[in-house]
Amino acid sequence: MLACIALVGGCSQVVSGTPTTLGGYSTTEVAGLPASNGPSGPKDGAPESSLPVEGTDNGAMDKLARNAVADIDTYWSETFPKAFPGKRFAPVKRLVSYDSGGPGIQLCGENTTGVVNAFYCRPEDFIAWDRSTLLPELNNSFGPMAVVTVLAHEMGHAVQHRAGTATSNDQVIVLEQQADCFTGAYFRHVAEGSSKYFQVSTGEGLNQVMGVLNFIRDSPGDSDFRDGSAHGSAFDRVTAFQFGFSEGPQRCAKMDFSDVQKRTTLFQRSSRRGNRSRSRTPISRWTRRASTQWSRACTRCSATPAPSRPRSSRS
């Protein structure tokens, strides 16, 4: 017993210093910002944006989406000329809200019936979202900043179009990785406290954002980085976001197929019989069907499918 007491006493010495991970990365900082768990979401007393939204029901989800786009617009209006000298940022021409469970409307040349998505339509330069299923599910699963994440990603497609960092000849995964990276750049702005509408903690707040990127992902082994709907694995998406958060929009502009191919955890799929392409594993069958049909039909759109429905819901 005395030996045990001596052993325990010998291990109770306090060791000073800052804990670090392998490689010397601090566990108390996030890209130079203090790691902390504070409030995340809309700021108390934040203004209500007056941006026009077509088809809106003026409900809570559309108000959140409208404020998100207004804040993202402000960020890019200030940042874009610095990141891309000689160029100016112009907001998208239209914002459109629709109900995927209601009568369909024509957007970007396609019908929205059953389309649980948010997307940027490049030819017509607008962003649209499903207010009835997609936004509520994101909000319920990950909180309001999940909605902001998806809309920042779609705005990322508008940014790459305006900046000329990608073309229609680039692989889809390059477009998606750039958009994730631009999303990270915007969230750095929020995390630094510069947003008029939102706040996000560098602890749990960013974890929820990472949860969105992890949930809406492609599955290594089941997906090919050359696929026409590839967004990247959870690792790919979080890495792209981190590049933007840590290094800013200039790093996003450097992303090309070679850059993505070197680090992606999705691989070129063999043509062996039975090894067929599958969609993102976390997406339920009803969403997968809608997402696949939309991706095939709406070749001009950059879309983000919804996370799966809660298990208690009807499939």
Protein backbone atom coordinates (compact mmCIF):
# COMPACT_ATOMS: atom_id res chain seq x y z
CA MET A 1 0.00 0.00 0.00
CA LEU A 2 2.86 2.36 0.83
CA ALA A 3 4.40 1.58 -2.52
CA CYS A 4 1.12 2.46 -4.27
CA ILE A 5 0.86 5.74 -2.35
CA ALA A 6 4.41 6.61 -3.31
CA LEU A 7 3.68 5.81 -6.96
CA VAL A 8 0.59 7.98 -7.02
CA GLY A 9 2.37 10.80 -5.25
CA GLY A 10 5.20 10.63 -7.75
CA CYS A 11 2.76 11.07 -10.64
CA SER A 12 1.00 14.08 -9.17
CA GLN A 13 3.70 16.58 -10.10
CA VAL A 14 2.33 19.55 -12.08
CA VAL A 15 4.00 20.00 -15.46
CA SER A 16 3.88 23.49 -16.92
CA GLY A 17 3.61 24.34 -20.60
CA THR A 18 1.15 24.51 -23.48
CA PRO A 19 -0.24 21.22 -24.82
CA THR A 20 0.47 20.63 -28.50
CA THR A 21 -0.40 18.01 -31.06
CA LEU A 22 2.12 15.98 -33.02
CA GLY A 23 3.93 18.38 -35.30
CA GLY A 24 3.82 21.33 -32.94
CA TYR A 25 0.27 22.60 -33.61
CA SER A 26 -1.23 24.34 -30.61
CA THR A 27 -4.42 22.95 -29.11
CA THR A 28 -5.32 26.37 -27.74
CA GLU A 29 -5.45 28.20 -31.08
CA VAL A 30 -7.34 27.86 -34.34
CA ALA A 31 -5.32 29.35 -37.20
CA GLY A 32 -3.99 32.03 -34.90
CA LEU A 33 -7.30 32.73 -33.14
CA PRO A 34 -7.91 31.63 -29.53
CA ALA A 35 -9.86 28.38 -29.31
CA SER A 36 -13.02 29.13 -27.35
CA ASN A 37 -16.61 28.00 -26.88
CA GLY A 38 -18.86 31.03 -27.06
CA PRO A 39 -22.21 31.75 -28.68
CA SER A 40 -22.68 30.91 -32.35
CA GLY A 41 -25.51 32.03 -34.60
CA PRO A 42 -27.31 35.31 -35.30
CA LYS A 43 -26.09 38.19 -33.15
CA ASP A 44 -28.52 39.69 -30.66
CA GLY A 45 -29.90 42.92 -32.07
CA ALA A 46 -28.61 42.22 -35.57
CA PRO A 47 -30.48 44.10 -38.31
CA GLU A 48 -32.91 42.46 -40.70
CA SER A 49 -31.71 42.57 -44.29
CA SER A 50 -33.99 44.11 -46.90
CA LEU A 51 -32.56 42.11 -49.81
CA PRO A 52 -35.37 41.09 -52.18
CA VAL A 53 -36.08 37.36 -52.27
CA GLU A 54 -38.39 35.95 -54.92
CA GLY A 55 -40.97 33.40 -53.79
CA THR A 56 -40.34 33.97 -50.09
CA ASP A 57 -42.88 33.12 -47.43
CA ASN A 58 -41.13 35.58 -45.09
CA GLY A 59 -40.67 32.79 -42.59
CA ALA A 60 -37.76 32.23 -40.21
CA MET A 61 -35.71 30.22 -42.69
CA ASP A 62 -35.95 32.82 -45.45
CA LYS A 63 -35.07 35.58 -43.00
CA LEU A 64 -32.00 33.63 -41.90
CA ALA A 65 -31.01 32.98 -45.52
CA ARG A 66 -31.55 36.62 -46.51
CA ASN A 67 -29.39 37.86 -43.65
CA ALA A 68 -26.73 35.28 -44.50
CA VAL A 69 -26.49 36.43 -48.11
CA ALA A 70 -26.42 40.08 -47.02
CA ASP A 71 -23.52 39.38 -44.68
CA ILE A 72 -21.63 37.31 -47.26
CA ASP A 73 -22.15 40.09 -49.80
CA THR A 74 -20.63 42.60 -47.40
CA TYR A 75 -17.61 40.40 -46.79
CA TRP A 76 -16.89 39.86 -50.47
CA SER A 77 -17.50 43.50 -51.38
CA GLU A 78 -14.71 44.43 -48.97
CA THR A 79 -12.39 41.48 -49.58
CA PHE A 80 -12.72 40.79 -53.30
CA PRO A 81 -10.76 43.85 -54.60
CA LYS A 82 -7.90 43.05 -52.21
CA ALA A 83 -7.81 39.37 -53.10
CA PHE A 84 -8.23 39.93 -56.85
CA PRO A 85 -6.67 43.31 -57.74
CA GLY A 86 -8.35 45.15 -60.57
CA LYS A 87 -11.65 43.34 -60.06
CA ARG A 88 -14.77 44.29 -58.14
CA PHE A 89 -17.42 42.09 -56.59
CA ALA A 90 -21.03 42.42 -57.70
CA PRO A 91 -23.83 40.69 -55.77
CA VAL A 92 -25.78 37.99 -57.59
CA LYS A 93 -28.68 39.30 -59.62
CA ARG A 94 -31.44 37.35 -57.88
CA LEU A 95 -32.24 35.38 -54.74
CA VAL A 96 -34.98 32.77 -54.98
CA SER A 97 -36.73 30.76 -52.28
CA TYR A 98 -38.84 27.74 -53.19
CA ASP A 99 -40.75 24.90 -51.57
CA SER A 100 -39.48 21.51 -52.76
CA GLY A 101 -42.67 19.87 -51.49
CA GLY A 102 -45.03 22.26 -53.22
CA PRO A 103 -45.83 23.02 -56.84
CA GLY A 104 -42.61 23.23 -58.79
CA ILE A 105 -41.27 26.35 -60.43
CA GLN A 106 -38.79 26.67 -63.27
CA LEU A 107 -35.31 27.64 -62.11
CA CYS A 108 -32.16 27.49 -64.20
CA GLY A 109 -34.18 25.69 -66.86
CA GLU A 110 -35.44 22.92 -64.57
CA ASN A 111 -38.42 22.19 -62.31
CA THR A 112 -37.85 22.33 -58.55
CA THR A 113 -40.40 19.67 -57.55
CA GLY A 114 -38.69 17.34 -55.06
CA VAL A 115 -35.35 19.14 -55.38
CA VAL A 116 -33.99 19.42 -51.83
CA ASN A 117 -31.06 21.66 -52.67
CA ALA A 118 -29.41 25.04 -52.61
CA PHE A 119 -27.63 26.06 -55.79
CA TYR A 120 -26.00 28.79 -57.81
CA CYS A 121 -27.18 29.17 -61.41
CA ARG A 122 -24.27 30.63 -63.33
CA PRO A 123 -25.98 31.53 -66.66
CA GLU A 124 -28.67 33.54 -64.87
CA ASP A 125 -26.47 34.54 -61.92
CA PHE A 126 -28.77 33.74 -59.02
CA ILE A 127 -28.79 31.69 -55.83
CA ALA A 128 -31.80 29.59 -54.85
CA TRP A 129 -32.63 27.45 -51.84
CA ASP A 130 -35.31 25.07 -50.65
CA ARG A 131 -36.87 26.70 -47.60
CA SER A 132 -39.25 23.82 -46.79
CA THR A 133 -36.88 20.89 -46.26
CA LEU A 134 -33.22 21.73 -46.79
CA LEU A 135 -32.85 24.80 -44.59
CA PRO A 136 -34.95 23.47 -41.68
CA GLU A 137 -33.04 20.19 -41.67
CA LEU A 138 -29.70 21.96 -41.67
CA ASN A 139 -30.89 24.24 -38.88
CA ASN A 140 -32.30 21.39 -36.81
CA SER A 141 -29.27 19.14 -37.28
CA PHE A 142 -26.41 21.62 -36.90
CA GLY A 143 -27.83 24.98 -35.92
CA PRO A 144 -28.36 28.23 -37.85
CA MET A 145 -24.73 28.54 -38.93
CA ALA A 146 -25.24 25.42 -41.04
CA VAL A 147 -27.60 27.43 -43.24
CA VAL A 148 -25.00 30.18 -43.46
CA THR A 149 -22.37 27.57 -44.41
CA VAL A 150 -24.35 26.25 -47.35
CA LEU A 151 -25.18 29.70 -48.68
CA ALA A 152 -21.55 30.82 -48.27
CA HIS A 153 -20.58 27.79 -50.34
CA GLU A 154 -23.04 28.67 -53.10
CA MET A 155 -21.81 32.26 -53.06
CA GLY A 156 -18.34 30.77 -53.43
CA HIS A 157 -19.39 29.60 -56.89
CA ALA A 158 -20.42 33.14 -57.77
CA VAL A 159 -17.05 34.37 -56.49
CA GLN A 160 -15.07 31.95 -58.63
CA HIS A 161 -17.12 33.01 -61.64
CA ARG A 162 -16.41 36.69 -60.99
CA ALA A 163 -12.74 36.15 -60.16
CA GLY A 164 -12.12 33.76 -63.04
CA THR A 165 -10.46 31.22 -60.76
CA ALA A 166 -12.23 28.34 -62.47
CA THR A 167 -13.86 27.66 -65.81
CA SER A 168 -16.54 25.33 -67.11
CA ASN A 169 -13.72 23.07 -68.32
CA ASP A 170 -12.51 22.39 -64.77
CA GLN A 171 -13.46 19.19 -62.98
CA VAL A 172 -16.50 19.58 -60.73
CA ILE A 173 -14.48 18.69 -57.65
CA VAL A 174 -12.19 21.68 -58.32
CA LEU A 175 -15.21 24.01 -58.42
CA GLU A 176 -16.58 22.51 -55.21
CA GLN A 177 -13.26 22.60 -53.36
CA GLN A 178 -12.77 26.24 -54.27
CA ALA A 179 -16.26 27.03 -53.01
CA ASP A 180 -15.50 25.26 -49.71
CA CYS A 181 -12.28 27.25 -49.48
CA PHE A 182 -14.08 30.56 -50.10
CA THR A 183 -16.54 29.50 -47.38
CA GLY A 184 -13.64 29.12 -44.97
CA ALA A 185 -12.36 32.59 -45.85
CA TYR A 186 -15.76 34.09 -45.05
CA PHE A 187 -15.98 32.23 -41.74
CA ARG A 188 -12.63 33.66 -40.69
CA HIS A 189 -14.29 37.06 -41.03
CA VAL A 190 -17.14 35.90 -38.76
CA ALA A 191 -14.82 34.24 -36.23
CA GLU A 192 -12.82 37.47 -35.93
CA GLY A 193 -16.01 39.28 -34.88
CA SER A 194 -16.26 41.36 -38.05
CA SER A 195 -19.73 40.20 -39.09
CA LYS A 196 -22.70 42.49 -38.51
CA TYR A 197 -25.17 39.61 -38.50
CA PHE A 198 -23.47 36.50 -37.10
CA GLN A 199 -20.98 35.14 -34.61
CA VAL A 200 -19.22 31.80 -34.44
CA SER A 201 -16.98 30.35 -31.76
CA THR A 202 -13.71 28.75 -32.78
CA GLY A 203 -14.58 25.71 -30.69
CA GLU A 204 -18.04 24.22 -30.83
CA GLY A 205 -19.22 26.75 -33.42
CA LEU A 206 -16.67 25.72 -36.03
CA ASN A 207 -17.20 22.08 -35.06
CA GLN A 208 -20.82 22.42 -36.18
CA VAL A 209 -19.69 23.92 -39.47
CA MET A 210 -17.28 21.02 -39.92
CA GLY A 211 -20.21 18.72 -39.16
CA VAL A 212 -22.06 20.08 -42.20
CA LEU A 213 -19.07 19.47 -44.46
CA ASN A 214 -18.65 16.00 -42.96
CA PHE A 215 -22.33 15.14 -43.38
CA ILE A 216 -22.67 16.24 -47.01
CA ARG A 217 -19.75 14.41 -48.50
CA ASP A 218 -18.61 11.76 -50.94
CA SER A 219 -17.49 8.40 -49.61
CA PRO A 220 -13.91 7.21 -50.28
CA GLY A 221 -14.02 3.92 -52.15
CA ASP A 222 -17.53 4.54 -53.43
CA SER A 223 -16.93 7.83 -55.24
CA ASP A 224 -14.59 8.98 -57.97
CA PHE A 225 -13.05 12.45 -57.86
CA ARG A 226 -13.73 12.77 -61.59
CA ASP A 227 -17.50 12.29 -61.17
CA GLY A 228 -19.73 15.08 -62.43
CA SER A 229 -21.23 15.59 -58.95
CA ALA A 230 -18.13 15.07 -56.76
CA HIS A 231 -17.81 17.48 -53.82
CA GLY A 232 -15.00 15.63 -52.03
CA SER A 233 -14.71 13.40 -49.00
CA ALA A 234 -15.11 14.78 -45.49
CA PHE A 235 -11.32 15.14 -45.34
CA ASP A 236 -11.24 16.96 -48.68
CA ARG A 237 -13.99 19.38 -47.76
CA VAL A 238 -12.66 20.21 -44.30
CA THR A 239 -9.15 20.66 -45.72
CA ALA A 240 -10.40 23.11 -48.37
CA PHE A 241 -12.35 25.04 -45.73
CA GLN A 242 -9.25 25.15 -43.53
CA PHE A 243 -7.14 26.56 -46.36
CA GLY A 244 -9.57 29.43 -46.78
CA PHE A 245 -9.91 30.02 -43.03
CA SER A 246 -6.14 30.01 -42.48
CA GLU A 247 -4.78 31.58 -45.66
CA GLY A 248 -7.63 33.52 -47.25
CA PRO A 249 -9.13 33.70 -50.75
CA GLN A 250 -5.73 33.84 -52.48
CA ARG A 251 -5.10 30.23 -51.44
CA CYS A 252 -8.48 29.22 -52.84
CA ALA A 253 -7.60 30.72 -56.22
CA LYS A 254 -4.57 28.41 -56.42
CA MET A 255 -6.72 25.30 -56.30
CA ASP A 256 -6.70 23.42 -59.57
CA PHE A 257 -7.06 19.79 -60.58
CA SER A 258 -3.44 18.99 -59.77
CA ASP A 259 -3.75 20.52 -56.31
CA VAL A 260 -6.92 18.60 -55.53
CA GLN A 261 -5.69 15.32 -57.03
CA LYS A 262 -2.59 15.33 -54.81
CA ARG A 263 -4.56 15.41 -51.57
CA THR A 264 -7.99 13.96 -52.30
CA THR A 265 -9.05 10.80 -50.51
CA LEU A 266 -11.35 9.93 -53.41
CA PHE A 267 -9.70 7.77 -56.01
CA GLN A 268 -10.14 6.92 -59.64
CA ARG A 269 -12.56 4.04 -59.68
CA SER A 270 -11.73 0.95 -61.67
CA SER A 271 -14.13 -0.18 -64.37
CA ARG A 272 -14.52 -3.65 -62.89
CA ARG A 273 -17.97 -5.09 -63.13
CA GLY A 274 -20.18 -4.30 -60.19
CA ASN A 275 -18.10 -1.38 -58.98
CA ARG A 276 -20.71 1.22 -59.75
CA SER A 277 -20.85 4.85 -58.75
CA ARG A 278 -22.76 5.66 -55.60
CA SER A 279 -23.87 8.97 -54.17
CA ARG A 280 -22.84 10.59 -50.90
CA THR A 281 -23.43 7.99 -48.20
CA PRO A 282 -25.12 10.22 -45.59
CA ILE A 283 -27.93 11.19 -47.94
CA SER A 284 -31.19 9.30 -47.69
CA ARG A 285 -32.65 7.55 -50.70
CA TRP A 286 -35.35 10.12 -51.37
CA THR A 287 -32.78 12.94 -51.32
CA ARG A 288 -30.31 10.93 -53.37
CA ARG A 289 -32.85 10.43 -56.15
CA ALA A 290 -33.71 14.11 -56.29
CA SER A 291 -30.06 15.14 -56.09
CA THR A 292 -28.97 12.72 -58.82
CA GLN A 293 -31.79 13.77 -61.14
CA TRP A 294 -31.03 17.44 -60.54
CA SER A 295 -27.30 16.95 -61.13
CA ARG A 296 -27.96 15.20 -64.41
CA ALA A 297 -30.55 17.67 -65.61
CA CYS A 298 -29.24 20.96 -64.25
CA THR A 299 -25.80 20.87 -65.82
CA ARG A 300 -25.54 24.64 -65.43
CA CYS A 301 -26.04 24.65 -61.67
CA SER A 302 -23.75 24.09 -58.69
CA ALA A 303 -25.93 22.34 -56.15
CA THR A 304 -25.69 21.24 -52.53
CA PRO A 305 -27.94 18.31 -51.57
CA ALA A 306 -29.53 18.11 -48.15
CA PRO A 307 -28.38 15.93 -45.24
CA SER A 308 -30.52 12.89 -44.57
CA ARG A 309 -33.81 13.24 -42.76
CA PRO A 310 -33.97 12.42 -39.06
CA ARG A 311 -34.70 8.72 -38.52
CA SER A 312 -38.08 9.50 -37.02
CA SER A 313 -39.28 11.09 -40.26
CA ARG A 314 -40.96 9.29 -43.10
CA SER A 315 -38.62 8.20 -45.88
